[in-house]
Amino acid sequence: MPAQQAGTRAAALFAARLTFEGVERRYGDFFALHHVDLDIAAGEVVCLLGPSGCGKTTLLRIASGIEKPSGGRVLINDREVAGPNAFVPPERRSVGLMFQDFALFPHLTILQNVAFGLKRMPLEEARREALAVLTRVGLQKLAEQYPHTLSGGQQQRVALARAIVPRPSVMMMDEPFSGLDVQLRDEMQEETLALLRETRATSLIVTHHPEEAMRLGDRIAVLRAGRVVQFDKAETLYDHPRDLLVARMFSEINEVTYKVLDGSIETPLGRLAAPKGMNSGELAVVCIRERGVEVSASGQGLPGRVLHVRFLGDIDLLEIGVQGFEAPLRVRTPHYAKWMKGAEVGIEVDPARLLVFPAVNEGSA
C-alpha cells in the first residue's frame, strides 16, 4: 500500500534507548538466555535473528515486562525497568507489543481493537486517535468491521495500528510477518518499516529469516543457544561473519574441509591463512560463496565441467565439477549466461572473498 494512499502520517514520539546488561533467564537448570548485553540507540530498528529456541522471544518478553530476568538488568533511557533494584510493569514502560498471531479481539470492531490501549483517554478522543492511525494504514473504511472479515494482511495492519496508537517509545514485534504469503510479506515489511521510521520508535523485531532481518534492521543481533553471537550491521555480518554458522545464515556457500599445516591451508585456489590459534592437523572449513564464483569459457582459471543446471528465475544454479575439488561446486550465475549441461568452463574465485573457519562440531552447534 503506497504511503500516499494511507492518508495522514503517524504521530511522532520521543524514542528511547534500550539497554540489556548481563541479562539471564533460567528455567530450573536450563538457561534460555546467557549474559546478554545489547545497547540499542533511540530510534534504531534492531532485529533479533536466530533459530527457534535460541532465546529471541524470551528476550522480547523480558524487555516488555511480561517475564522477569533471572539476572542482569533492562534499562529504558538509562532507567532500570527490570533487575535487582526495580521491576516496572509493562503498562508503565511505554512499550508497544505486536505478536505473531496478531491477538485481535474477535468481539470488538476494528476501531475498538485499535482504541483498546487508550482507556485513559476520553472515549471520543480515543476514537479520534484510533481512526487517525487506521487512516494511516489505509483501513479507515473498515473501522466498524470485525477481525474475522479481514484478510491476513489487513489483520496485520490492525495489529500494527493498535500497537503504535499509544505512541510507545519502544516497539517490540514477535515474528509479525510469519503468517503472510511471500508477496504480502514483502509489502507489509516495507509498510511497517515506513511507519516505524515516521513514529521514530526504537524497535526490536524477532525473526528467523536473515533476508527479513537485513531488510528491516539497522543492526542485527544473531542469537544462538541463548547467547548473542554477533551484533552488527547487515553488511558486516555478510562480509565478516564471526563463525561458520553465521556465514551460513547470510549467504549460500560451498564448504570444503582441509587440514591445517603450519598455519596455512593448501587449496586448488591457492594457499590460505588458517584462522588464528589453529594448530597443524586441525580441520578448517573454506567457504566459497555460490555467487562469488566467476564462470567463463574454458581456458581461463581452473578447468571444470557443468554437471547440472537448475533454473531459478533470474539465476541458474549450476553444479560444476572443478579440477582439484572432490565434490562439485554449486555456483549461481545470471540466467542470461545460458550455461548448458556438459559445457567445459573455467572458474575463478577472488581469494579475498573466501571465508575460513575452524570446523564446527555439528552435534554441539
Protein backbone atom coordinates (compact mmCIF):
# COMPACT_ATOMS: atom_id res chain seq x y z
CA MET A 1 0.00 0.00 0.00
CA PRO A 2 1.67 3.24 -1.08
CA ALA A 3 2.06 5.85 1.62
CA GLN A 4 0.17 8.38 -0.49
CA GLN A 5 -2.99 6.29 -0.21
CA ALA A 6 -2.65 5.86 3.52
CA GLY A 7 -3.73 9.39 4.47
CA THR A 8 -2.12 11.21 7.35
CA ARG A 9 1.31 10.48 8.75
CA ALA A 10 1.60 8.69 12.07
CA ALA A 11 2.17 10.82 15.16
CA ALA A 12 5.81 11.20 16.15
CA LEU A 13 7.13 10.37 19.61
CA PHE A 14 10.28 10.51 21.69
CA ALA A 15 12.23 7.32 21.09
CA ALA A 16 14.07 5.69 23.98
CA ARG A 17 17.43 4.00 24.35
CA LEU A 18 17.01 0.31 25.24
CA THR A 19 19.83 -1.48 27.09
CA PHE A 20 20.34 -5.06 28.23
CA GLU A 21 23.12 -5.57 30.77
CA GLY A 22 24.09 -9.17 31.52
CA VAL A 23 20.50 -10.39 31.14
CA GLU A 24 19.91 -14.04 32.02
CA ARG A 25 16.80 -16.21 32.11
CA ARG A 26 16.83 -19.60 33.79
CA TYR A 27 14.14 -22.25 33.95
CA GLY A 28 15.47 -24.62 36.61
CA ASP A 29 18.87 -25.71 35.36
CA PHE A 30 18.17 -24.62 31.78
CA PHE A 31 19.49 -21.24 30.60
CA ALA A 32 17.25 -19.67 27.97
CA LEU A 33 19.49 -16.58 27.97
CA HIS A 34 23.16 -16.31 28.93
CA HIS A 35 24.51 -12.90 29.96
CA VAL A 36 23.01 -10.89 27.07
CA ASP A 37 24.50 -7.43 26.52
CA LEU A 38 22.86 -5.16 23.93
CA ASP A 39 22.72 -1.38 23.66
CA ILE A 40 20.07 -0.13 21.21
CA ALA A 41 20.10 3.55 20.31
CA ALA A 42 16.99 5.74 20.40
CA GLY A 43 15.11 5.37 17.11
CA GLU A 44 17.15 2.36 15.99
CA VAL A 45 15.49 -0.72 14.44
CA VAL A 46 17.18 -3.92 15.63
CA CYS A 47 16.29 -7.45 14.54
CA LEU A 48 16.82 -10.48 16.77
CA LEU A 49 17.76 -13.31 14.42
CA GLY A 50 18.26 -16.97 15.11
CA PRO A 51 16.71 -20.45 15.01
CA SER A 52 13.70 -21.50 17.05
CA GLY A 53 14.53 -21.88 20.72
CA CYS A 54 17.57 -19.59 20.70
CA GLY A 55 16.06 -17.07 23.16
CA LYS A 56 14.73 -14.35 20.83
CA THR A 57 11.18 -14.28 22.12
CA THR A 58 12.32 -14.69 25.73
CA LEU A 59 14.45 -11.56 25.38
CA LEU A 60 11.49 -9.69 23.89
CA ARG A 61 9.21 -10.78 26.74
CA ILE A 62 11.76 -9.65 29.32
CA ALA A 63 12.17 -6.26 27.62
CA SER A 64 8.40 -5.76 27.57
CA GLY A 65 7.89 -6.82 31.19
CA ILE A 66 5.91 -10.00 30.50
CA GLU A 67 8.75 -12.02 32.10
CA LYS A 68 11.32 -11.16 34.73
CA PRO A 69 15.05 -11.77 34.17
CA SER A 70 16.84 -14.25 36.43
CA GLY A 71 19.87 -11.97 36.37
CA GLY A 72 21.10 -8.71 34.88
CA ARG A 73 19.19 -5.51 34.09
CA VAL A 74 16.99 -3.94 31.43
CA LEU A 75 17.10 -0.15 31.11
CA ILE A 76 14.93 2.24 29.10
CA ASN A 77 16.57 5.66 28.78
CA ASP A 78 19.04 4.58 31.50
CA ARG A 79 16.16 3.90 33.91
CA GLU A 80 16.16 0.36 35.30
CA VAL A 81 12.84 -1.29 34.43
CA ALA A 82 13.87 -4.86 35.29
CA GLY A 83 16.67 -6.01 37.53
CA PRO A 84 17.76 -6.36 41.15
CA ASN A 85 16.64 -2.85 42.10
CA ALA A 86 13.34 -2.45 40.24
CA PHE A 87 10.61 -4.07 38.21
CA VAL A 88 8.35 -1.74 36.23
CA PRO A 89 5.12 -3.38 34.97
CA PRO A 90 4.54 -3.49 31.19
CA GLU A 91 1.88 -0.77 31.16
CA ARG A 92 4.35 1.72 32.67
CA ARG A 93 7.26 1.05 30.32
CA SER A 94 5.91 2.88 27.24
CA VAL A 95 6.36 -0.20 25.07
CA GLY A 96 4.20 -1.41 22.19
CA LEU A 97 3.75 -5.14 21.54
CA MET A 98 2.80 -6.94 18.37
CA PHE A 99 2.57 -10.72 18.41
CA GLN A 100 2.89 -13.36 15.70
CA ASP A 101 -0.84 -14.26 15.77
CA PHE A 102 -1.91 -10.55 15.95
CA ALA A 103 -4.08 -11.34 19.06
CA LEU A 104 -7.06 -9.26 17.91
CA PHE A 105 -10.23 -9.35 20.00
CA PRO A 106 -12.88 -11.09 17.86
CA HIS A 107 -15.84 -9.49 19.67
CA LEU A 108 -14.57 -5.92 19.14
CA THR A 109 -14.74 -3.88 15.95
CA ILE A 110 -11.54 -2.86 14.20
CA LEU A 111 -11.84 0.64 15.67
CA GLN A 112 -12.45 -0.75 19.16
CA ASN A 113 -9.43 -3.08 18.81
CA VAL A 114 -7.16 -0.18 17.91
CA ALA A 115 -8.55 2.04 20.68
CA PHE A 116 -8.20 -0.70 23.31
CA GLY A 117 -4.90 0.65 24.65
CA LEU A 118 -6.27 4.18 25.05
CA LYS A 119 -8.56 3.53 28.02
CA ARG A 120 -7.19 6.50 29.95
CA MET A 121 -8.40 8.89 27.25
CA PRO A 122 -11.94 10.21 26.97
CA LEU A 123 -13.93 7.94 24.66
CA GLU A 124 -14.28 10.39 21.77
CA GLU A 125 -10.62 11.37 21.90
CA ALA A 126 -9.60 7.71 21.89
CA ARG A 127 -11.84 7.09 18.85
CA ARG A 128 -10.27 10.03 17.00
CA GLU A 129 -6.72 8.79 17.74
CA ALA A 130 -7.60 5.24 16.70
CA LEU A 131 -9.28 6.41 13.50
CA ALA A 132 -6.26 8.57 12.62
CA VAL A 133 -3.94 5.59 12.85
CA LEU A 134 -6.37 3.38 10.93
CA THR A 135 -6.37 6.06 8.24
CA ARG A 136 -2.56 5.92 8.20
CA VAL A 137 -2.64 2.17 7.48
CA GLY A 138 -5.47 2.54 4.94
CA LEU A 139 -8.25 0.78 6.89
CA GLN A 140 -10.50 3.67 7.94
CA LYS A 141 -13.35 2.35 5.77
CA LEU A 142 -13.27 -0.94 7.69
CA ALA A 143 -13.38 0.65 11.15
CA GLU A 144 -16.76 -0.90 12.04
CA GLN A 145 -15.96 -4.36 10.69
CA TYR A 146 -14.83 -7.30 12.84
CA PRO A 147 -11.45 -9.10 12.63
CA HIS A 148 -12.85 -12.31 11.08
CA THR A 149 -13.94 -10.34 7.98
CA LEU A 150 -10.39 -9.14 7.25
CA SER A 151 -7.60 -10.73 5.23
CA GLY A 152 -4.32 -11.68 6.86
CA GLY A 153 -2.63 -8.52 5.62
CA GLN A 154 -5.48 -6.33 6.90
CA GLN A 155 -5.35 -8.03 10.30
CA GLN A 156 -1.61 -7.38 10.40
CA ARG A 157 -2.24 -3.68 9.75
CA VAL A 158 -4.82 -3.56 12.55
CA ALA A 159 -2.41 -5.19 14.99
CA LEU A 160 0.29 -2.72 13.98
CA ALA A 161 -2.10 0.22 14.38
CA ARG A 162 -3.18 -0.99 17.84
CA ALA A 163 0.44 -1.33 18.97
CA ILE A 164 1.51 2.10 17.68
CA VAL A 165 -1.51 4.22 18.64
CA PRO A 166 -0.43 4.75 22.29
CA ARG A 167 2.78 6.22 20.84
CA PRO A 168 5.21 3.90 22.62
CA SER A 169 8.84 4.91 22.82
CA VAL A 170 9.88 1.26 22.23
CA MET A 171 8.10 -1.04 19.76
CA MET A 172 8.50 -4.83 20.05
CA MET A 173 7.37 -7.27 17.37
CA ASP A 174 7.49 -11.07 17.56
CA GLU A 175 7.74 -12.56 14.03
CA PRO A 176 4.95 -10.26 12.80
CA PHE A 177 5.15 -11.36 9.14
CA SER A 178 5.43 -15.15 9.51
CA GLY A 179 1.77 -15.85 8.70
CA LEU A 180 1.71 -13.90 5.44
CA ASP A 181 2.38 -15.15 1.91
CA VAL A 182 5.60 -14.05 0.23
CA GLN A 183 4.24 -11.15 -1.86
CA LEU A 184 2.15 -9.74 1.00
CA ARG A 185 5.03 -10.21 3.45
CA ASP A 186 7.33 -8.05 1.31
CA GLU A 187 4.67 -5.35 1.03
CA MET A 188 3.95 -5.36 4.77
CA GLN A 189 7.64 -5.23 5.67
CA GLU A 190 8.05 -2.06 3.64
CA GLU A 191 4.87 -0.52 5.06
CA THR A 192 5.80 -1.42 8.66
CA LEU A 193 9.30 -0.05 8.30
CA ALA A 194 7.93 3.21 6.88
CA LEU A 195 5.57 3.54 9.86
CA LEU A 196 8.33 2.82 12.37
CA ARG A 197 10.52 5.47 10.72
CA GLU A 198 7.69 8.01 10.84
CA THR A 199 7.00 7.43 14.53
CA ARG A 200 10.73 7.20 15.29
CA ALA A 201 10.03 4.33 17.69
CA THR A 202 13.01 2.33 18.90
CA SER A 203 12.15 -1.13 17.58
CA LEU A 204 13.04 -4.72 18.43
CA ILE A 205 11.83 -7.26 15.84
CA VAL A 206 12.11 -11.04 16.27
CA THR A 207 12.65 -13.07 13.09
CA HIS A 208 14.29 -16.26 11.91
CA HIS A 209 14.62 -15.07 8.29
CA PRO A 210 18.02 -13.47 7.51
CA GLU A 211 16.71 -11.61 4.45
CA GLU A 212 13.90 -10.10 6.52
CA ALA A 213 16.41 -9.04 9.18
CA MET A 214 18.65 -7.42 6.54
CA ARG A 215 15.70 -5.59 5.00
CA LEU A 216 14.33 -4.22 8.29
CA GLY A 217 17.17 -3.82 10.74
CA ASP A 218 19.67 -1.00 11.17
CA ARG A 219 21.58 -3.69 13.05
CA ILE A 220 21.05 -7.41 13.62
CA ALA A 221 21.70 -9.39 16.79
CA VAL A 222 22.36 -13.04 15.96
CA LEU A 223 21.40 -15.35 18.83
CA ARG A 224 22.33 -18.97 19.34
CA ALA A 225 21.55 -21.11 22.39
CA GLY A 226 20.69 -18.05 24.46
CA ARG A 227 23.82 -16.06 23.62
CA VAL A 228 24.43 -13.10 21.32
CA VAL A 229 26.93 -14.43 18.79
CA GLN A 230 27.32 -11.22 16.77
CA PHE A 231 25.67 -7.78 16.79
CA ASP A 232 26.43 -5.77 13.66
CA LYS A 233 25.09 -4.13 10.54
CA ALA A 234 23.96 -6.47 7.77
CA GLU A 235 26.99 -5.67 5.59
CA THR A 236 29.39 -6.61 8.37
CA LEU A 237 27.55 -9.84 9.11
CA TYR A 238 27.78 -10.75 5.43
CA ASP A 239 31.37 -9.70 4.80
CA HIS A 240 32.84 -10.62 8.19
CA PRO A 241 30.75 -13.31 9.89
CA ARG A 242 32.17 -14.32 13.25
CA ASP A 243 31.87 -18.06 12.67
CA LEU A 244 30.75 -20.70 10.19
CA LEU A 245 27.17 -20.81 11.43
CA VAL A 246 26.73 -17.06 10.96
CA ALA A 247 28.24 -17.35 7.48
CA ARG A 248 25.66 -20.00 6.60
CA MET A 249 22.87 -17.66 7.66
CA PHE A 250 23.77 -14.81 5.35
CA SER A 251 24.87 -16.48 2.11
CA GLU A 252 24.72 -19.73 0.18
CA ILE A 253 28.17 -21.31 0.47
CA ASN A 254 30.17 -24.31 -0.60
CA GLU A 255 32.04 -25.77 2.37
CA VAL A 256 35.31 -27.61 1.76
CA THR A 257 37.25 -29.11 4.67
CA TYR A 258 41.06 -29.10 4.84
CA LYS A 259 43.73 -29.87 7.40
CA VAL A 260 45.81 -27.01 8.71
CA LEU A 261 49.56 -27.29 8.18
CA ASP A 262 51.97 -24.77 9.71
CA GLY A 263 49.34 -22.05 9.92
CA SER A 264 48.08 -22.35 6.36
CA ILE A 265 45.75 -24.35 4.13
CA GLU A 266 46.57 -25.61 0.65
CA THR A 267 43.62 -25.41 -1.75
CA PRO A 268 43.17 -25.53 -5.52
CA LEU A 269 42.54 -21.79 -5.28
CA GLY A 270 45.89 -21.16 -3.62
CA ARG A 271 47.36 -21.12 -0.12
CA LEU A 272 45.16 -19.53 2.53
CA ALA A 273 45.97 -18.43 6.05
CA ALA A 274 44.39 -20.60 8.73
CA PRO A 275 42.24 -18.94 11.42
CA LYS A 276 44.30 -17.64 14.32
CA GLY A 277 45.01 -20.16 17.03
CA MET A 278 44.56 -23.26 14.88
CA ASN A 279 47.22 -25.94 15.14
CA SER A 280 48.62 -28.28 12.49
CA GLY A 281 46.34 -31.25 11.93
CA GLU A 282 43.16 -29.45 12.96
CA LEU A 283 40.32 -29.17 10.46
CA ALA A 284 39.31 -25.88 8.88
CA VAL A 285 36.42 -25.13 6.53
CA VAL A 286 36.92 -22.97 3.45
CA CYS A 287 33.67 -21.27 2.41
CA ILE A 288 33.16 -20.41 -1.25
CA ARG A 289 30.07 -18.30 -1.89
CA GLU A 290 27.86 -19.60 -4.67
CA ARG A 291 27.55 -16.05 -6.01
CA GLY A 292 31.29 -15.42 -5.66
CA VAL A 293 32.45 -17.79 -8.41
CA GLU A 294 33.15 -16.35 -11.87
CA VAL A 295 32.37 -18.77 -14.71
CA SER A 296 33.97 -18.19 -18.09
CA ALA A 297 34.88 -20.07 -21.25
CA SER A 298 37.29 -22.96 -21.00
CA GLY A 299 40.94 -21.93 -20.83
CA GLN A 300 40.58 -19.35 -18.07
CA GLY A 301 41.07 -20.16 -14.39
CA LEU A 302 40.59 -23.67 -13.03
CA PRO A 303 39.13 -26.09 -15.59
CA GLY A 304 35.68 -27.52 -14.89
CA ARG A 305 32.61 -29.05 -16.46
CA VAL A 306 28.95 -28.15 -15.89
CA LEU A 307 27.30 -31.28 -14.46
CA HIS A 308 23.82 -29.93 -13.82
CA VAL A 309 21.77 -26.76 -14.40
CA ARG A 310 18.72 -25.76 -12.36
CA PHE A 311 16.60 -22.79 -13.45
CA LEU A 312 15.71 -20.43 -10.57
CA GLY A 313 14.23 -17.47 -12.42
CA ASP A 314 16.75 -14.65 -12.84
CA ILE A 315 19.58 -17.00 -11.95
CA ASP A 316 20.69 -20.55 -12.72
CA LEU A 317 22.14 -22.84 -10.08
CA LEU A 318 24.99 -24.80 -11.61
CA GLU A 319 26.84 -27.83 -10.30
CA ILE A 320 30.35 -27.73 -11.68
CA GLY A 321 33.00 -30.43 -11.34
CA VAL A 322 36.21 -28.45 -10.83
CA GLN A 323 39.77 -29.72 -11.03
CA GLY A 324 41.19 -30.26 -7.55
CA PHE A 325 37.83 -30.47 -5.74
CA GLU A 326 36.41 -33.86 -4.77
CA ALA A 327 32.80 -32.68 -4.81
CA PRO A 328 31.12 -30.41 -7.37
CA LEU A 329 30.83 -26.71 -6.55
CA ARG A 330 27.42 -25.03 -6.56
CA VAL A 331 27.53 -21.76 -8.49
CA ARG A 332 24.81 -19.13 -9.09
CA THR A 333 25.04 -17.33 -12.41
CA PRO A 334 22.71 -14.94 -14.28
CA HIS A 335 20.19 -16.90 -16.35
CA TYR A 336 21.13 -14.93 -19.44
CA ALA A 337 24.59 -16.55 -19.36
CA LYS A 338 22.87 -19.73 -20.64
CA TRP A 339 25.41 -22.27 -19.42
CA MET A 340 24.45 -25.76 -20.59
CA LYS A 341 24.99 -29.16 -19.04
CA GLY A 342 28.25 -30.66 -20.27
CA ALA A 343 29.88 -27.31 -21.10
CA GLU A 344 33.63 -27.07 -20.48
CA VAL A 345 34.28 -23.95 -18.42
CA GLY A 346 36.86 -22.15 -16.33
CA ILE A 347 36.18 -20.85 -12.84
CA GLU A 348 37.85 -18.08 -10.86
CA VAL A 349 37.36 -17.00 -7.25
CA ASP A 350 38.77 -13.87 -5.64
CA PRO A 351 40.76 -15.23 -2.65
CA ALA A 352 39.82 -12.12 -0.67
CA ARG A 353 36.17 -13.22 -0.80
CA LEU A 354 36.84 -16.64 0.70
CA LEU A 355 35.93 -17.27 4.33
CA VAL A 356 37.89 -19.69 6.52
CA PHE A 357 36.72 -21.01 9.90
CA PRO A 358 37.51 -23.83 12.31
CA ALA A 359 35.34 -26.84 11.54
CA VAL A 360 32.12 -26.96 13.57
CA ASN A 361 31.10 -29.91 15.73
CA GLU A 362 27.56 -30.13 14.38
CA GLY A 363 26.35 -32.01 17.42
CA SER A 364 27.16 -29.10 19.73
CA ALA A 365 26.43 -26.18 17.35
